[in-house]
PDB file of N, CA and C in Angstrom:
ATOM      1  N   ASP A   1     104.197  95.785 111.524  1.00  0.00           N
ATOM      2  CA  ASP A   1     103.924  96.520 110.288  1.00  0.00           C
ATOM      3  C   ASP A   1     103.092  97.751 110.609  1.00  0.00           C
ATOM      4  N   ASN A   2     103.514  98.889 110.105  1.00  0.00           N
ATOM      5  CA  ASN A   2     102.826 100.148 110.346  1.00  0.00           C
ATOM      6  C   ASN A   2     101.740 100.343 109.293  1.00  0.00           C
ATOM      7  N   PRO A   3     100.465 100.369 109.702  1.00  0.00           N
ATOM      8  CA  PRO A   3      99.381 100.494 108.733  1.00  0.00           C
ATOM      9  C   PRO A   3      99.169 101.917 108.219  1.00  0.00           C
ATOM     10  N   HIS A   4      99.891 102.871 108.777  1.00  0.00           N
ATOM     11  CA  HIS A   4      99.661 104.261 108.429  1.00  0.00           C
ATOM     12  C   HIS A   4     100.300 104.633 107.091  1.00  0.00           C
ATOM     13  N   ARG A   5      99.585 105.431 106.335  1.00  0.00           N
ATOM     14  CA  ARG A   5     100.067 105.962 105.066  1.00  0.00           C
ATOM     15  C   ARG A   5     100.172 107.470 105.236  1.00  0.00           C
ATOM     16  N   PHE A   6     101.249 108.021 104.785  1.00  0.00           N
ATOM     17  CA  PHE A   6     101.467 109.455 104.888  1.00  0.00           C
ATOM     18  C   PHE A   6     101.302 110.099 103.517  1.00  0.00           C
ATOM     19  N   VAL A   7     100.533 111.156 103.470  1.00  0.00           N
ATOM     20  CA  VAL A   7     100.316 111.899 102.229  1.00  0.00           C
ATOM     21  C   VAL A   7     101.046 113.229 102.350  1.00  0.00           C
ATOM     22  N   VAL A   8     101.896 113.514 101.388  1.00  0.00           N
ATOM     23  CA  VAL A   8     102.629 114.769 101.346  1.00  0.00           C
ATOM     24  C   VAL A   8     102.137 115.551 100.135  1.00  0.00           C
ATOM     25  N   VAL A   9     101.652 116.761 100.383  1.00  0.00           N
ATOM     26  CA  VAL A   9     101.169 117.625  99.305  1.00  0.00           C
ATOM     27  C   VAL A   9     102.092 118.824  99.202  1.00  0.00           C
ATOM     28  N   ASP A  10     102.675 119.008  98.040  1.00  0.00           N
ATOM     29  CA  ASP A  10     103.563 120.149  97.832  1.00  0.00           C
ATOM     30  C   ASP A  10     103.748 120.336  96.327  1.00  0.00           C
ATOM     31  N   PRO A  11     103.776 121.568  95.851  1.00  0.00           N
ATOM     32  CA  PRO A  11     103.995 121.776  94.422  1.00  0.00           C
ATOM     33  C   PRO A  11     105.424 121.445  93.971  1.00  0.00           C
ATOM     34  N   MET A  12     106.334 121.296  94.933  1.00  0.00           N
ATOM     35  CA  MET A  12     107.727 120.919  94.648  1.00  0.00           C
ATOM     36  C   MET A  12     108.366 121.845  93.617  1.00  0.00           C
ATOM     37  N   LYS A  13     108.158 123.142  93.797  1.00  0.00           N
ATOM     38  CA  LYS A  13     108.703 124.134  92.871  1.00  0.00           C
ATOM     39  C   LYS A  13     109.717 125.053  93.543  1.00  0.00           C
ATOM     40  N   TYR A  14     110.075 124.745  94.784  1.00  0.00           N
ATOM     41  CA  TYR A  14     110.963 125.645  95.522  1.00  0.00           C
ATOM     42  C   TYR A  14     112.379 125.626  94.957  1.00  0.00           C
ATOM     43  N   PHE A  15     112.858 124.436  94.558  1.00  0.00           N
ATOM     44  CA  PHE A  15     114.172 124.329  93.939  1.00  0.00           C
ATOM     45  C   PHE A  15     114.187 123.147  92.980  1.00  0.00           C
ATOM     46  N   THR A  16     115.172 123.132  92.107  1.00  0.00           N
ATOM     47  CA  THR A  16     115.289 122.098  91.087  1.00  0.00           C
ATOM     48  C   THR A  16     115.385 120.706  91.712  1.00  0.00           C
ATOM     49  N   ASP A  17     114.625 119.780  91.166  1.00  0.00           N
ATOM     50  CA  ASP A  17     114.645 118.373  91.575  1.00  0.00           C
ATOM     51  C   ASP A  17     114.275 118.180  93.051  1.00  0.00           C
ATOM     52  N   GLN A  18     113.370 119.015  93.536  1.00  0.00           N
ATOM     53  CA  GLN A  18     112.974 118.981  94.949  1.00  0.00           C
ATOM     54  C   GLN A  18     112.379 117.637  95.353  1.00  0.00           C
ATOM     55  N   LEU A  19     111.521 117.068  94.519  1.00  0.00           N
ATOM     56  CA  LEU A  19     110.881 115.796  94.877  1.00  0.00           C
ATOM     57  C   LEU A  19     111.927 114.708  95.110  1.00  0.00           C
ATOM     58  N   THR A  20     112.900 114.612  94.235  1.00  0.00           N
ATOM     59  CA  THR A  20     113.944 113.589  94.385  1.00  0.00           C
ATOM     60  C   THR A  20     114.706 113.778  95.693  1.00  0.00           C
ATOM     61  N   LEU A  21     115.053 115.009  96.013  1.00  0.00           N
ATOM     62  CA  LEU A  21     115.786 115.274  97.254  1.00  0.00           C
ATOM     63  C   LEU A  21     114.941 114.938  98.480  1.00  0.00           C
ATOM     64  N   VAL A  22     113.674 115.316  98.456  1.00  0.00           N
ATOM     65  CA  VAL A  22     112.782 115.011  99.582  1.00  0.00           C
ATOM     66  C   VAL A  22     112.660 113.490  99.746  1.00  0.00           C
ATOM     67  N   GLN A  23     112.497 112.777  98.653  1.00  0.00           N
ATOM     68  CA  GLN A  23     112.397 111.317  98.725  1.00  0.00           C
ATOM     69  C   GLN A  23     113.672 110.706  99.297  1.00  0.00           C
ATOM     70  N   LYS A  24     114.827 111.200  98.882  1.00  0.00           N
ATOM     71  CA  LYS A  24     116.103 110.706  99.419  1.00  0.00           C
ATOM     72  C   LYS A  24     116.192 110.966 100.921  1.00  0.00           C
ATOM     73  N   ASN A  25     115.765 112.149 101.359  1.00  0.00           N
ATOM     74  CA  ASN A  25     115.800 112.478 102.789  1.00  0.00           C
ATOM     75  C   ASN A  25     114.881 111.559 103.592  1.00  0.00           C
ATOM     76  N   VAL A  26     113.692 111.325 103.083  1.00  0.00           N
ATOM     77  CA  VAL A  26     112.741 110.439 103.762  1.00  0.00           C
ATOM     78  C   VAL A  26     113.329 109.033 103.866  1.00  0.00           C
ATOM     79  N   TYR A  27     113.836 108.528 102.756  1.00  0.00           N
ATOM     80  CA  TYR A  27     114.404 107.176 102.714  1.00  0.00           C
ATOM     81  C   TYR A  27     115.616 107.049 103.639  1.00  0.00           C
ATOM     82  N   SER A  28     116.455 108.085 103.675  1.00  0.00           N
ATOM     83  CA  SER A  28     117.658 108.033 104.512  1.00  0.00           C
ATOM     84  C   SER A  28     117.325 108.024 105.999  1.00  0.00           C
ATOM     85  N   ARG A  29     116.099 108.387 106.347  1.00  0.00           N
ATOM     86  CA  ARG A  29     115.660 108.360 107.752  1.00  0.00           C
ATOM     87  C   ARG A  29     114.965 107.046 108.097  1.00  0.00           C
ATOM     88  N   GLY A  30     115.038 106.090 107.170  1.00  0.00           N
ATOM     89  CA  GLY A  30     114.501 104.760 107.446  1.00  0.00           C
ATOM     90  C   GLY A  30     113.012 104.613 107.157  1.00  0.00           C
ATOM     91  N   ILE A  31     112.448 105.553 106.419  1.00  0.00           N
ATOM     92  CA  ILE A  31     111.024 105.475 106.074  1.00  0.00           C
ATOM     93  C   ILE A  31     110.906 104.942 104.665  1.00  0.00           C
ATOM     94  N   SER A  32     110.175 103.867 104.524  1.00  0.00           N
ATOM     95  CA  SER A  32     109.985 103.252 103.215  1.00  0.00           C
ATOM     96  C   SER A  32     109.147 104.174 102.328  1.00  0.00           C
ATOM     97  N   LEU A  33     109.600 104.388 101.110  1.00  0.00           N
ATOM     98  CA  LEU A  33     108.885 105.289 100.205  1.00  0.00           C
ATOM     99  C   LEU A  33     107.516 104.751  99.801  1.00  0.00           C
ATOM    100  N   ASP A  34     107.284 103.462  99.968  1.00  0.00           N
ATOM    101  CA  ASP A  34     105.948 102.935  99.644  1.00  0.00           C
ATOM    102  C   ASP A  34     104.924 103.285 100.719  1.00  0.00           C
ATOM    103  N   ARG A  35     105.374 103.881 101.822  1.00  0.00           N
ATOM    104  CA  ARG A  35     104.465 104.334 102.882  1.00  0.00           C
ATOM    105  C   ARG A  35     104.074 105.807 102.698  1.00  0.00           C
ATOM    106  N   VAL A  36     104.701 106.480 101.723  1.00  0.00           N
ATOM    107  CA  VAL A  36     104.473 107.904 101.530  1.00  0.00           C
ATOM    108  C   VAL A  36     103.876 108.153 100.148  1.00  0.00           C
ATOM    109  N   ASP A  37     102.775 108.870 100.135  1.00  0.00           N
ATOM    110  CA  ASP A  37     102.091 109.224  98.891  1.00  0.00           C
ATOM    111  C   ASP A  37     102.429 110.686  98.591  1.00  0.00           C
ATOM    112  N   PHE A  38     103.395 110.902  97.710  1.00  0.00           N
ATOM    113  CA  PHE A  38     103.798 112.255  97.343  1.00  0.00           C
ATOM    114  C   PHE A  38     102.848 112.766  96.263  1.00  0.00           C
ATOM    115  N   ARG A  39     102.163 113.853  96.560  1.00  0.00           N
ATOM    116  CA  ARG A  39     101.237 114.458  95.602  1.00  0.00           C
ATOM    117  C   ARG A  39     101.781 115.825  95.210  1.00  0.00           C
ATOM    118  N   VAL A  40     102.331 115.878  94.025  1.00  0.00           N
ATOM    119  CA  VAL A  40     102.915 117.123  93.530  1.00  0.00           C
ATOM    120  C   VAL A  40     101.771 117.970  92.992  1.00  0.00           C
ATOM    121  N   ALA A  41     101.333 118.894  93.842  1.00  0.00           N
ATOM    122  CA  ALA A  41     100.169 119.724  93.527  1.00  0.00           C
ATOM    123  C   ALA A  41     100.071 120.843  94.545  1.00  0.00           C
ATOM    124  N   SER A  42      99.260 121.820  94.216  1.00  0.00           N
ATOM    125  CA  SER A  42      98.952 122.853  95.203  1.00  0.00           C
ATOM    126  C   SER A  42      97.977 122.266  96.216  1.00  0.00           C
ATOM    127  N   SER A  43      97.842 122.911  97.354  1.00  0.00           N
ATOM    128  CA  SER A  43      96.886 122.448  98.366  1.00  0.00           C
ATOM    129  C   SER A  43      95.474 122.438  97.804  1.00  0.00           C
ATOM    130  N   GLU A  44      95.145 123.463  97.040  1.00  0.00           N
ATOM    131  CA  GLU A  44      93.805 123.551  96.452  1.00  0.00           C
ATOM    132  C   GLU A  44      93.541 122.392  95.496  1.00  0.00           C
ATOM    133  N   GLU A  45      94.498 122.096  94.636  1.00  0.00           N
ATOM    134  CA  GLU A  45      94.345 120.980  93.700  1.00  0.00           C
ATOM    135  C   GLU A  45      94.216 119.648  94.445  1.00  0.00           C
ATOM    136  N   ALA A  46      95.060 119.455  95.436  1.00  0.00           N
ATOM    137  CA  ALA A  46      95.037 118.199  96.191  1.00  0.00           C
ATOM    138  C   ALA A  46      93.732 118.048  96.960  1.00  0.00           C
ATOM    139  N   PHE A  47      93.234 119.142  97.523  1.00  0.00           N
ATOM    140  CA  PHE A  47      91.961 119.093  98.247  1.00  0.00           C
ATOM    141  C   PHE A  47      90.820 118.716  97.305  1.00  0.00           C
ATOM    142  N   GLU A  48      90.794 119.332  96.132  1.00  0.00           N
ATOM    143  CA  GLU A  48      89.750 119.017  95.158  1.00  0.00           C
ATOM    144  C   GLU A  48      89.791 117.545  94.754  1.00  0.00           C
ATOM    145  N   ASP A  49      90.982 117.022  94.509  1.00  0.00           N
ATOM    146  CA  ASP A  49      91.131 115.608  94.135  1.00  0.00           C
ATOM    147  C   ASP A  49      90.685 114.693  95.273  1.00  0.00           C
ATOM    148  N   ALA A  50      91.113 114.987  96.494  1.00  0.00           N
ATOM    149  CA  ALA A  50      90.753 114.154  97.646  1.00  0.00           C
ATOM    150  C   ALA A  50      89.247 114.209  97.905  1.00  0.00           C
ATOM    151  N   SER A  51      88.666 115.376  97.738  1.00  0.00           N
ATOM    152  CA  SER A  51      87.216 115.520  97.926  1.00  0.00           C
ATOM    153  C   SER A  51      86.444 114.710  96.897  1.00  0.00           C
ATOM    154  N   ARG A  52      86.889 114.798  95.665  1.00  0.00           N
ATOM    155  CA  ARG A  52      86.233 114.058  94.587  1.00  0.00           C
ATOM    156  C   ARG A  52      86.291 112.543  94.831  1.00  0.00           C
ATOM    157  N   GLU A  53      87.398 112.080  95.406  1.00  0.00           N
ATOM    158  CA  GLU A  53      87.584 110.649  95.699  1.00  0.00           C
ATOM    159  C   GLU A  53      87.011 110.244  97.059  1.00  0.00           C
ATOM    160  N   LEU A  54      86.444 111.203  97.773  1.00  0.00           N
ATOM    161  CA  LEU A  54      85.871 110.976  99.113  1.00  0.00           C
ATOM    162  C   LEU A  54      86.900 110.398 100.082  1.00  0.00           C
ATOM    163  N   GLU A  55      88.136 110.867  99.960  1.00  0.00           N
ATOM    164  CA  GLU A  55      89.190 110.396 100.860  1.00  0.00           C
ATOM    165  C   GLU A  55      88.953 110.914 102.271  1.00  0.00           C
ATOM    166  N   THR A  56      89.383 110.144 103.235  1.00  0.00           N
ATOM    167  CA  THR A  56      89.352 110.574 104.628  1.00  0.00           C
ATOM    168  C   THR A  56      90.758 110.447 105.207  1.00  0.00           C
ATOM    169  N   PHE A  57      91.019 111.249 106.221  1.00  0.00           N
ATOM    170  CA  PHE A  57      92.331 111.271 106.854  1.00  0.00           C
ATOM    171  C   PHE A  57      92.155 111.258 108.362  1.00  0.00           C
ATOM    172  N   ASP A  58      93.043 110.578 109.066  1.00  0.00           N
ATOM    173  CA  ASP A  58      93.000 110.541 110.525  1.00  0.00           C
ATOM    174  C   ASP A  58      93.631 111.780 111.145  1.00  0.00           C
ATOM    175  N   PHE A  59      94.590 112.360 110.449  1.00  0.00           N
ATOM    176  CA  PHE A  59      95.328 113.487 110.982  1.00  0.00           C
ATOM    177  C   PHE A  59      95.820 114.336 109.815  1.00  0.00           C
ATOM    178  N   ILE A  60      95.715 115.643 109.952  1.00  0.00           N
ATOM    179  CA  ILE A  60      96.225 116.544 108.915  1.00  0.00           C
ATOM    180  C   ILE A  60      97.111 117.584 109.586  1.00  0.00           C
ATOM    181  N   PHE A  61      98.331 117.695 109.095  1.00  0.00           N
ATOM    182  CA  PHE A  61      99.274 118.714 109.554  1.00  0.00           C
ATOM    183  C   PHE A  61      99.460 119.696 108.408  1.00  0.00           C
ATOM    184  N   ILE A  62      99.173 120.954 108.653  1.00  0.00           N
ATOM    185  CA  ILE A  62      99.304 121.971 107.613  1.00  0.00           C
ATOM    186  C   ILE A  62     100.518 122.829 107.925  1.00  0.00           C
ATOM    187  N   ASP A  63     101.477 122.781 107.034  1.00  0.00           N
ATOM    188  CA  ASP A  63     102.704 123.561 107.148  1.00  0.00           C
ATOM    189  C   ASP A  63     102.665 124.560 106.006  1.00  0.00           C
ATOM    190  N   GLY A  64     102.150 125.754 106.282  1.00  0.00           N
ATOM    191  CA  GLY A  64     101.840 126.709 105.229  1.00  0.00           C
ATOM    192  C   GLY A  64     103.017 127.494 104.706  1.00  0.00           C
ATOM    193  N   ASN A  65     102.691 128.502 103.948  1.00  0.00           N
ATOM    194  CA  ASN A  65     103.673 129.391 103.360  1.00  0.00           C
ATOM    195  C   ASN A  65     104.474 130.066 104.471  1.00  0.00           C
ATOM    196  N   HIS A  66     105.782 130.075 104.341  1.00  0.00           N
ATOM    197  CA  HIS A  66     106.652 130.600 105.398  1.00  0.00           C
ATOM    198  C   HIS A  66     107.094 132.039 105.163  1.00  0.00           C
ATOM    199  N   LYS A  67     106.594 132.671 104.115  1.00  0.00           N
ATOM    200  CA  LYS A  67     106.962 134.060 103.857  1.00  0.00           C
ATOM    201  C   LYS A  67     106.279 134.968 104.881  1.00  0.00           C
ATOM    202  N   LEU A  68     106.985 135.965 105.332  1.00  0.00           N
ATOM    203  CA  LEU A  68     106.521 136.843 106.400  1.00  0.00           C
ATOM    204  C   LEU A  68     105.137 137.423 106.130  1.00  0.00           C
ATOM    205  N   ARG A  69     104.892 137.871 104.912  1.00  0.00           N
ATOM    206  CA  ARG A  69     103.598 138.515 104.631  1.00  0.00           C
ATOM    207  C   ARG A  69     102.417 137.559 104.784  1.00  0.00           C
ATOM    208  N   TYR A  70     102.641 136.247 104.658  1.00  0.00           N
ATOM    209  CA  TYR A  70     101.573 135.273 104.816  1.00  0.00           C
ATOM    210  C   TYR A  70     101.392 134.812 106.264  1.00  0.00           C
ATOM    211  N   VAL A  71     102.452 134.916 107.032  1.00  0.00           N
ATOM    212  CA  VAL A  71     102.406 134.489 108.418  1.00  0.00           C
ATOM    213  C   VAL A  71     101.654 135.518 109.236  1.00  0.00           C
TER     214      VAL A  71
END
């Protein structure tokens, strides 16, 4: 049994029904959806919520905005 929980933070506004498609992709790769905590929010909102709850994380991967002007 894998004790790790994965948290995904994304506003899910890139295309219609994005959350459902992402969940289907995760599930189709053999990852149980009960192991993934999808947080539909901006990074700022999610950080504020996690800070308020005193959450801790073992590893954080930041995959930022991919538009040229931000890179």
